[in-house]
PDB file of N, CA and C in Angstrom:
ATOM      1  N   UNK A   1      47.234  45.897 -25.714  1.00  0.00           N
ATOM      2  CA  UNK A   1      47.828  46.441 -24.578  1.00  0.00           C
ATOM      3  C   UNK A   1      47.740  47.740 -24.108  1.00  0.00           C
ATOM      4  N   UNK A   2      47.730  48.022 -22.859  1.00  0.00           N
ATOM      5  CA  UNK A   2      47.780  49.426 -22.374  1.00  0.00           C
ATOM      6  C   UNK A   2      48.273  49.522 -21.007  1.00  0.00           C
ATOM      7  N   UNK A   3      48.020  50.832 -20.407  1.00  0.00           N
ATOM      8  CA  UNK A   3      48.160  50.754 -18.988  1.00  0.00           C
ATOM      9  C   UNK A   3      47.442  49.807 -18.024  1.00  0.00           C
ATOM     10  N   UNK A   4      46.231  49.462 -18.397  1.00  0.00           N
ATOM     11  CA  UNK A   4      45.318  48.715 -17.495  1.00  0.00           C
ATOM     12  C   UNK A   4      46.211  47.445 -17.313  1.00  0.00           C
ATOM     13  N   UNK A   5      46.486  47.002 -18.515  1.00  0.00           N
ATOM     14  CA  UNK A   5      47.198  45.382 -18.448  1.00  0.00           C
ATOM     15  C   UNK A   5      48.609  45.409 -17.731  1.00  0.00           C
ATOM     16  N   UNK A   6      49.309  46.809 -18.133  1.00  0.00           N
ATOM     17  CA  UNK A   6      50.498  46.947 -17.182  1.00  0.00           C
ATOM     18  C   UNK A   6      50.294  46.776 -15.613  1.00  0.00           C
ATOM     19  N   UNK A   7      49.081  47.665 -15.166  1.00  0.00           N
ATOM     20  CA  UNK A   7      49.046  47.900 -14.147  1.00  0.00           C
ATOM     21  C   UNK A   7      48.533  46.367 -13.443  1.00  0.00           C
ATOM     22  N   UNK A   8      47.782  45.634 -14.111  1.00  0.00           N
ATOM     23  CA  UNK A   8      47.294  44.098 -13.660  1.00  0.00           C
ATOM     24  C   UNK A   8      48.349  43.516 -13.513  1.00  0.00           C
ATOM     25  N   UNK A   9      49.623  43.534 -14.279  1.00  0.00           N
ATOM     26  CA  UNK A   9      50.582  42.770 -14.023  1.00  0.00           C
ATOM     27  C   UNK A   9      51.409  42.995 -12.847  1.00  0.00           C
ATOM     28  N   UNK A  10      51.225  44.097 -12.330  1.00  0.00           N
ATOM     29  CA  UNK A  10      51.875  44.430 -11.108  1.00  0.00           C
ATOM     30  C   UNK A  10      51.258  43.835 -10.051  1.00  0.00           C
ATOM     31  N   UNK A  11      49.968  43.849 -10.020  1.00  0.00           N
ATOM     32  CA  UNK A  11      49.024  42.933  -9.188  1.00  0.00           C
ATOM     33  C   UNK A  11      49.506  41.783  -9.039  1.00  0.00           C
ATOM     34  N   UNK A  12      49.485  41.192 -10.318  1.00  0.00           N
ATOM     35  CA  UNK A  12      49.622  39.796 -10.419  1.00  0.00           C
ATOM     36  C   UNK A  12      51.217  39.252  -9.709  1.00  0.00           C
ATOM     37  N   UNK A  13      52.070  40.101  -9.946  1.00  0.00           N
ATOM     38  CA  UNK A  13      53.471  39.792  -9.700  1.00  0.00           C
ATOM     39  C   UNK A  13      53.170  39.952  -8.130  1.00  0.00           C
ATOM     40  N   UNK A  14      52.557  40.991  -7.380  1.00  0.00           N
ATOM     41  CA  UNK A  14      52.279  40.884  -5.722  1.00  0.00           C
ATOM     42  C   UNK A  14      51.755  39.510  -5.293  1.00  0.00           C
ATOM     43  N   UNK A  15      51.045  38.867  -6.138  1.00  0.00           N
ATOM     44  CA  UNK A  15      50.740  37.513  -5.555  1.00  0.00           C
ATOM     45  C   UNK A  15      51.736  36.545  -5.348  1.00  0.00           C
ATOM     46  N   UNK A  16      52.940  36.749  -5.829  1.00  0.00           N
ATOM     47  CA  UNK A  16      53.835  35.660  -5.914  1.00  0.00           C
ATOM     48  C   UNK A  16      53.805  34.362  -5.949  1.00  0.00           C
ATOM     49  N   UNK A  17      52.902  34.058  -6.878  1.00  0.00           N
ATOM     50  CA  UNK A  17      52.556  32.603  -7.407  1.00  0.00           C
ATOM     51  C   UNK A  17      53.702  31.994  -8.100  1.00  0.00           C
ATOM     52  N   UNK A  18      53.979  30.650  -8.332  1.00  0.00           N
ATOM     53  CA  UNK A  18      55.093  29.945  -8.890  1.00  0.00           C
ATOM     54  C   UNK A  18      54.609  30.343 -10.659  1.00  0.00           C
ATOM     55  N   UNK A  19      55.924  30.422 -11.234  1.00  0.00           N
ATOM     56  CA  UNK A  19      55.644  30.721 -12.530  1.00  0.00           C
ATOM     57  C   UNK A  19      54.857  29.925 -13.418  1.00  0.00           C
ATOM     58  N   UNK A  20      55.078  28.578 -13.041  1.00  0.00           N
ATOM     59  CA  UNK A  20      54.343  27.648 -14.082  1.00  0.00           C
ATOM     60  C   UNK A  20      53.047  27.478 -13.702  1.00  0.00           C
ATOM     61  N   UNK A  21      52.616  27.792 -12.843  1.00  0.00           N
ATOM     62  CA  UNK A  21      51.194  28.153 -12.081  1.00  0.00           C
ATOM     63  C   UNK A  21      50.668  29.106 -12.827  1.00  0.00           C
ATOM     64  N   UNK A  22      51.248  30.287 -13.064  1.00  0.00           N
ATOM     65  CA  UNK A  22      50.889  31.361 -14.181  1.00  0.00           C
ATOM     66  C   UNK A  22      50.713  31.218 -15.361  1.00  0.00           C
ATOM     67  N   UNK A  23      51.744  30.453 -15.878  1.00  0.00           N
ATOM     68  CA  UNK A  23      51.639  29.876 -17.485  1.00  0.00           C
ATOM     69  C   UNK A  23      50.193  29.115 -17.508  1.00  0.00           C
ATOM     70  N   UNK A  24      49.983  27.906 -16.643  1.00  0.00           N
ATOM     71  CA  UNK A  24      48.756  27.519 -16.570  1.00  0.00           C
ATOM     72  C   UNK A  24      47.549  28.290 -16.762  1.00  0.00           C
ATOM     73  N   UNK A  25      47.668  29.166 -15.536  1.00  0.00           N
ATOM     74  CA  UNK A  25      46.133  30.201 -15.705  1.00  0.00           C
ATOM     75  C   UNK A  25      46.129  30.869 -16.958  1.00  0.00           C
ATOM     76  N   UNK A  26      47.306  31.297 -17.303  1.00  0.00           N
ATOM     77  CA  UNK A  26      47.599  32.072 -18.874  1.00  0.00           C
ATOM     78  C   UNK A  26      46.810  31.374 -19.978  1.00  0.00           C
ATOM     79  N   UNK A  27      47.208  29.902 -19.754  1.00  0.00           N
ATOM     80  CA  UNK A  27      46.786  29.103 -21.111  1.00  0.00           C
ATOM     81  C   UNK A  27      45.496  29.201 -20.727  1.00  0.00           C
ATOM     82  N   UNK A  28      44.637  28.928 -19.543  1.00  0.00           N
ATOM     83  CA  UNK A  28      43.270  28.705 -19.221  1.00  0.00           C
ATOM     84  C   UNK A  28      42.535  30.020 -19.845  1.00  0.00           C
ATOM     85  N   UNK A  29      43.033  31.273 -19.857  1.00  0.00           N
ATOM     86  CA  UNK A  29      42.269  32.154 -20.089  1.00  0.00           C
ATOM     87  C   UNK A  29      42.593  32.728 -21.589  1.00  0.00           C
ATOM     88  N   UNK A  30      43.416  31.906 -22.306  1.00  0.00           N
ATOM     89  CA  UNK A  30      43.786  32.878 -23.711  1.00  0.00           C
ATOM     90  C   UNK A  30      42.820  31.927 -24.579  1.00  0.00           C
ATOM     91  N   UNK A  31      42.970  32.834 -25.671  1.00  0.00           N
ATOM     92  CA  UNK A  31      41.833  32.304 -26.950  1.00  0.00           C
ATOM     93  C   UNK A  31      42.660  31.547 -27.686  1.00  0.00           C
ATOM     94  N   UNK A  32      42.208  30.819 -28.510  1.00  0.00           N
ATOM     95  CA  UNK A  32      42.888  30.029 -29.328  1.00  0.00           C
ATOM     96  C   UNK A  32      44.287  30.365 -29.968  1.00  0.00           C
ATOM     97  N   UNK A  33      44.562  31.622 -30.691  1.00  0.00           N
ATOM     98  CA  UNK A  33      45.428  31.947 -30.811  1.00  0.00           C
ATOM     99  C   UNK A  33      46.590  31.912 -29.983  1.00  0.00           C
ATOM    100  N   UNK A  34      46.412  32.394 -28.954  1.00  0.00           N
ATOM    101  CA  UNK A  34      47.216  32.829 -27.752  1.00  0.00           C
ATOM    102  C   UNK A  34      47.711  31.442 -27.284  1.00  0.00           C
ATOM    103  N   UNK A  35      46.542  30.494 -27.008  1.00  0.00           N
ATOM    104  CA  UNK A  35      47.157  29.347 -26.539  1.00  0.00           C
ATOM    105  C   UNK A  35      48.040  28.483 -27.252  1.00  0.00           C
ATOM    106  N   UNK A  36      47.795  28.409 -28.616  1.00  0.00           N
ATOM    107  CA  UNK A  36      48.675  27.907 -29.456  1.00  0.00           C
ATOM    108  C   UNK A  36      50.202  28.653 -29.128  1.00  0.00           C
ATOM    109  N   UNK A  37      50.239  29.846 -28.990  1.00  0.00           N
ATOM    110  CA  UNK A  37      51.765  30.699 -28.571  1.00  0.00           C
ATOM    111  C   UNK A  37      52.188  30.046 -27.191  1.00  0.00           C
ATOM    112  N   UNK A  38      51.397  29.882 -26.247  1.00  0.00           N
ATOM    113  CA  UNK A  38      51.645  29.336 -25.079  1.00  0.00           C
ATOM    114  C   UNK A  38      52.138  27.753 -24.995  1.00  0.00           C
ATOM    115  N   UNK A  39      51.414  27.327 -25.931  1.00  0.00           N
ATOM    116  CA  UNK A  39      51.991  25.827 -26.066  1.00  0.00           C
ATOM    117  C   UNK A  39      53.065  25.407 -26.758  1.00  0.00           C
ATOM    118  N   UNK A  40      53.343  26.593 -27.941  1.00  0.00           N
ATOM    119  CA  UNK A  40      54.747  26.395 -28.494  1.00  0.00           C
ATOM    120  C   UNK A  40      55.972  26.938 -27.255  1.00  0.00           C
ATOM    121  N   UNK A  41      55.498  27.824 -26.715  1.00  0.00           N
ATOM    122  CA  UNK A  41      56.557  28.314 -25.865  1.00  0.00           C
ATOM    123  C   UNK A  41      56.945  27.277 -24.565  1.00  0.00           C
ATOM    124  N   UNK A  42      55.983  26.529 -23.890  1.00  0.00           N
ATOM    125  CA  UNK A  42      55.769  25.621 -22.957  1.00  0.00           C
ATOM    126  C   UNK A  42      55.037  24.360 -23.205  1.00  0.00           C
ATOM    127  N   UNK A  43      55.804  23.606 -23.968  1.00  0.00           N
ATOM    128  CA  UNK A  43      54.840  22.566 -24.380  1.00  0.00           C
ATOM    129  C   UNK A  43      54.912  21.419 -23.210  1.00  0.00           C
ATOM    130  N   UNK A  44      55.633  21.296 -22.281  1.00  0.00           N
ATOM    131  CA  UNK A  44      55.759  20.435 -21.414  1.00  0.00           C
ATOM    132  C   UNK A  44      54.917  21.161 -20.202  1.00  0.00           C
ATOM    133  N   UNK A  45      54.708  22.139 -19.916  1.00  0.00           N
ATOM    134  CA  UNK A  45      53.653  22.908 -18.816  1.00  0.00           C
ATOM    135  C   UNK A  45      52.387  22.549 -19.472  1.00  0.00           C
ATOM    136  N   UNK A  46      52.155  22.660 -20.673  1.00  0.00           N
ATOM    137  CA  UNK A  46      50.927  22.748 -21.024  1.00  0.00           C
ATOM    138  C   UNK A  46      50.401  21.326 -21.400  1.00  0.00           C
ATOM    139  N   UNK A  47      51.300  20.625 -21.836  1.00  0.00           N
ATOM    140  CA  UNK A  47      50.931  19.044 -21.566  1.00  0.00           C
ATOM    141  C   UNK A  47      50.604  18.456 -20.417  1.00  0.00           C
ATOM    142  N   UNK A  48      51.219  18.726 -19.386  1.00  0.00           N
ATOM    143  CA  UNK A  48      50.832  18.481 -18.032  1.00  0.00           C
ATOM    144  C   UNK A  48      49.397  18.800 -17.811  1.00  0.00           C
ATOM    145  N   UNK A  49      49.181  20.254 -18.068  1.00  0.00           N
ATOM    146  CA  UNK A  49      48.075  20.872 -17.629  1.00  0.00           C
ATOM    147  C   UNK A  49      46.626  20.035 -18.701  1.00  0.00           C
ATOM    148  N   UNK A  50      47.046  19.823 -19.604  1.00  0.00           N
ATOM    149  CA  UNK A  50      45.822  19.202 -20.315  1.00  0.00           C
ATOM    150  C   UNK A  50      45.808  17.449 -19.706  1.00  0.00           C
ATOM    151  N   UNK A  51      46.800  16.828 -19.268  1.00  0.00           N
ATOM    152  CA  UNK A  51      46.366  15.602 -18.573  1.00  0.00           C
ATOM    153  C   UNK A  51      45.758  15.938 -17.294  1.00  0.00           C
ATOM    154  N   UNK A  52      46.220  16.883 -16.534  1.00  0.00           N
ATOM    155  CA  UNK A  52      45.504  17.056 -15.260  1.00  0.00           C
ATOM    156  C   UNK A  52      44.188  17.570 -15.344  1.00  0.00           C
ATOM    157  N   UNK A  53      43.729  18.203 -16.113  1.00  0.00           N
ATOM    158  CA  UNK A  53      42.621  18.890 -16.275  1.00  0.00           C
ATOM    159  C   UNK A  53      41.510  17.700 -16.319  1.00  0.00           C
ATOM    160  N   UNK A  54      41.749  16.274 -16.829  1.00  0.00           N
ATOM    161  CA  UNK A  54      41.016  15.164 -16.921  1.00  0.00           C
ATOM    162  C   UNK A  54      41.184  14.095 -15.869  1.00  0.00           C
ATOM    163  N   UNK A  55      41.998  14.386 -14.875  1.00  0.00           N
ATOM    164  CA  UNK A  55      42.258  13.763 -13.789  1.00  0.00           C
ATOM    165  C   UNK A  55      41.539  13.897 -12.352  1.00  0.00           C
ATOM    166  N   UNK A  56      41.218  13.118 -11.628  1.00  0.00           N
ATOM    167  CA  UNK A  56      40.542  13.529 -10.606  1.00  0.00           C
ATOM    168  C   UNK A  56      41.126  14.543  -9.608  1.00  0.00           C
ATOM    169  N   UNK A  57      40.720  15.380  -9.258  1.00  0.00           N
ATOM    170  CA  UNK A  57      41.332  16.690  -8.592  1.00  0.00           C
ATOM    171  C   UNK A  57      42.604  16.965  -9.285  1.00  0.00           C
ATOM    172  N   UNK A  58      42.766  16.804 -10.480  1.00  0.00           N
ATOM    173  CA  UNK A  58      44.034  17.233 -10.851  1.00  0.00           C
ATOM    174  C   UNK A  58      45.326  16.531 -10.705  1.00  0.00           C
ATOM    175  N   UNK A  59      45.157  15.277  -9.769  1.00  0.00           N
ATOM    176  CA  UNK A  59      46.232  14.377  -9.382  1.00  0.00           C
ATOM    177  C   UNK A  59      46.453  13.279 -10.198  1.00  0.00           C
ATOM    178  N   UNK A  60      47.706  13.022 -10.562  1.00  0.00           N
ATOM    179  CA  UNK A  60      48.127  11.853 -11.085  1.00  0.00           C
ATOM    180  C   UNK A  60      47.724  10.485  -9.953  1.00  0.00           C
ATOM    181  N   UNK A  61      47.461   9.307 -10.351  1.00  0.00           N
ATOM    182  CA  UNK A  61      47.175   8.318  -9.645  1.00  0.00           C
ATOM    183  C   UNK A  61      48.123   8.043  -8.404  1.00  0.00           C
ATOM    184  N   UNK A  62      49.425   8.433  -8.725  1.00  0.00           N
ATOM    185  CA  UNK A  62      50.451   8.151  -7.347  1.00  0.00           C
ATOM    186  C   UNK A  62      50.391   9.487  -6.480  1.00  0.00           C
ATOM    187  N   UNK A  63      49.954  10.857  -6.964  1.00  0.00           N
ATOM    188  CA  UNK A  63      49.428  11.626  -6.127  1.00  0.00           C
ATOM    189  C   UNK A  63      48.512  11.547  -5.365  1.00  0.00           C
ATOM    190  N   UNK A  64      47.475  10.789  -6.004  1.00  0.00           N
ATOM    191  CA  UNK A  64      46.276  10.699  -5.385  1.00  0.00           C
ATOM    192  C   UNK A  64      46.367   9.771  -4.450  1.00  0.00           C
ATOM    193  N   UNK A  65      47.026   8.669  -4.482  1.00  0.00           N
ATOM    194  CA  UNK A  65      47.302   7.667  -3.378  1.00  0.00           C
ATOM    195  C   UNK A  65      47.908   8.199  -2.359  1.00  0.00           C
ATOM    196  N   UNK A  66      48.958   9.072  -2.458  1.00  0.00           N
ATOM    197  CA  UNK A  66      49.697   9.753  -1.374  1.00  0.00           C
ATOM    198  C   UNK A  66      48.936  10.855  -0.580  1.00  0.00           C
ATOM    199  N   UNK A  67      47.943  11.354  -1.442  1.00  0.00           N
ATOM    200  CA  UNK A  67      47.024  12.243  -0.722  1.00  0.00           C
ATOM    201  C   UNK A  67      46.090  11.473   0.071  1.00  0.00           C
ATOM    202  N   UNK A  68      45.529  10.208  -0.181  1.00  0.00           N
ATOM    203  CA  UNK A  68      44.514   9.711   0.338  1.00  0.00           C
ATOM    204  C   UNK A  68      45.331   8.972   1.736  1.00  0.00           C
ATOM    205  N   UNK A  69      46.733   8.727   1.568  1.00  0.00           N
ATOM    206  CA  UNK A  69      47.496   8.366   2.736  1.00  0.00           C
ATOM    207  C   UNK A  69      47.575   9.195   3.764  1.00  0.00           C
ATOM    208  N   UNK A  70      47.913  10.426   3.367  1.00  0.00           N
ATOM    209  CA  UNK A  70      48.132  11.572   4.048  1.00  0.00           C
ATOM    210  C   UNK A  70      46.885  11.834   4.754  1.00  0.00           C
ATOM    211  N   UNK A  71      45.745  12.047   4.065  1.00  0.00           N
ATOM    212  CA  UNK A  71      44.310  12.083   4.832  1.00  0.00           C
ATOM    213  C   UNK A  71      44.233  11.516   5.960  1.00  0.00           C
ATOM    214  N   UNK A  72      44.284   9.800   5.671  1.00  0.00           N
ATOM    215  CA  UNK A  72      44.303   8.904   6.564  1.00  0.00           C
ATOM    216  C   UNK A  72      44.984   9.192   7.889  1.00  0.00           C
ATOM    217  N   UNK A  73      46.598   9.462   7.646  1.00  0.00           N
ATOM    218  CA  UNK A  73      47.160   9.804   8.805  1.00  0.00           C
ATOM    219  C   UNK A  73      47.012  10.790   9.532  1.00  0.00           C
ATOM    220  N   UNK A  74      46.293  12.005   8.823  1.00  0.00           N
ATOM    221  CA  UNK A  74      46.072  13.081   9.607  1.00  0.00           C
ATOM    222  C   UNK A  74      44.720  12.970  10.499  1.00  0.00           C
ATOM    223  N   UNK A  75      43.793  12.276  10.133  1.00  0.00           N
ATOM    224  CA  UNK A  75      42.864  11.714  10.578  1.00  0.00           C
ATOM    225  C   UNK A  75      43.007  10.696  11.956  1.00  0.00           C
ATOM    226  N   UNK A  76      43.995  10.023  11.924  1.00  0.00           N
ATOM    227  CA  UNK A  76      44.549   9.157  12.683  1.00  0.00           C
ATOM    228  C   UNK A  76      44.594   9.959  14.340  1.00  0.00           C
ATOM    229  N   UNK A  77      45.311  10.973  14.580  1.00  0.00           N
ATOM    230  CA  UNK A  77      45.237  11.560  15.820  1.00  0.00           C
ATOM    231  C   UNK A  77      44.050  11.915  16.409  1.00  0.00           C
ATOM    232  N   UNK A  78      43.100  12.396  15.398  1.00  0.00           N
ATOM    233  CA  UNK A  78      41.849  12.849  15.751  1.00  0.00           C
ATOM    234  C   UNK A  78      40.998  11.660  16.311  1.00  0.00           C
ATOM    235  N   UNK A  79      41.022  10.358  16.054  1.00  0.00           N
ATOM    236  CA  UNK A  79      40.407   8.961  16.105  1.00  0.00           C
ATOM    237  C   UNK A  79      41.258   8.737  17.574  1.00  0.00           C
ATOM    238  N   UNK A  80      42.282   8.794  17.802  1.00  0.00           N
ATOM    239  CA  UNK A  80      42.759   8.531  18.947  1.00  0.00           C
ATOM    240  C   UNK A  80      42.566   9.670  20.080  1.00  0.00           C
ATOM    241  N   UNK A  81      42.327  10.500  19.824  1.00  0.00           N
ATOM    242  CA  UNK A  81      41.897  11.614  20.722  1.00  0.00           C
ATOM    243  C   UNK A  81      40.445  11.437  21.285  1.00  0.00           C
ATOM    244  N   UNK A  82      39.636  10.983  20.212  1.00  0.00           N
ATOM    245  CA  UNK A  82      38.321  10.631  20.847  1.00  0.00           C
ATOM    246  C   UNK A  82      38.258   9.321  21.370  1.00  0.00           C
ATOM    247  N   UNK A  83      38.989   8.192  21.064  1.00  0.00           N
ATOM    248  CA  UNK A  83      39.066   7.194  22.090  1.00  0.00           C
ATOM    249  C   UNK A  83      39.429   7.544  23.397  1.00  0.00           C
ATOM    250  N   UNK A  84      40.324   8.351  23.559  1.00  0.00           N
ATOM    251  CA  UNK A  84      40.922   8.876  24.899  1.00  0.00           C
ATOM    252  C   UNK A  84      39.947   9.236  26.036  1.00  0.00           C
ATOM    253  N   UNK A  85      38.931  10.341  24.979  1.00  0.00           N
ATOM    254  CA  UNK A  85      38.140  11.100  25.783  1.00  0.00           C
ATOM    255  C   UNK A  85      36.684  10.031  26.309  1.00  0.00           C
ATOM    256  N   UNK A  86      36.585   9.044  25.408  1.00  0.00           N
ATOM    257  CA  UNK A  86      35.641   8.155  25.658  1.00  0.00           C
ATOM    258  C   UNK A  86      36.133   7.172  26.704  1.00  0.00           C
ATOM    259  N   UNK A  87      37.339   6.898  27.062  1.00  0.00           N
ATOM    260  CA  UNK A  87      37.932   6.201  28.244  1.00  0.00           C
ATOM    261  C   UNK A  87      37.735   7.068  29.446  1.00  0.00           C
ATOM    262  N   UNK A  88      37.664   8.462  29.657  1.00  0.00           N
ATOM    263  CA  UNK A  88      37.737   9.296  30.626  1.00  0.00           C
ATOM    264  C   UNK A  88      36.421   9.320  31.273  1.00  0.00           C
TER     265      UNK A  88
END
């Protein structure tokens, strides 16, 4: 570690990302030895990350269903607007 890493840490801090997102990103970039350290320090976070890696879009089934419902609801106004335009 050195000045470069310190300066990069300032840049990362300015991104203002959620803490656990940073931990997940850290795990993704870590070598085997450091991954083990991260897993020991944040077992719940890394367990969830490992689960989400194999899920479609990183979403649990209940999240995927909610996402699909939200998508359908967001598309509804566009469909109604198109129908109104066709009537005129």
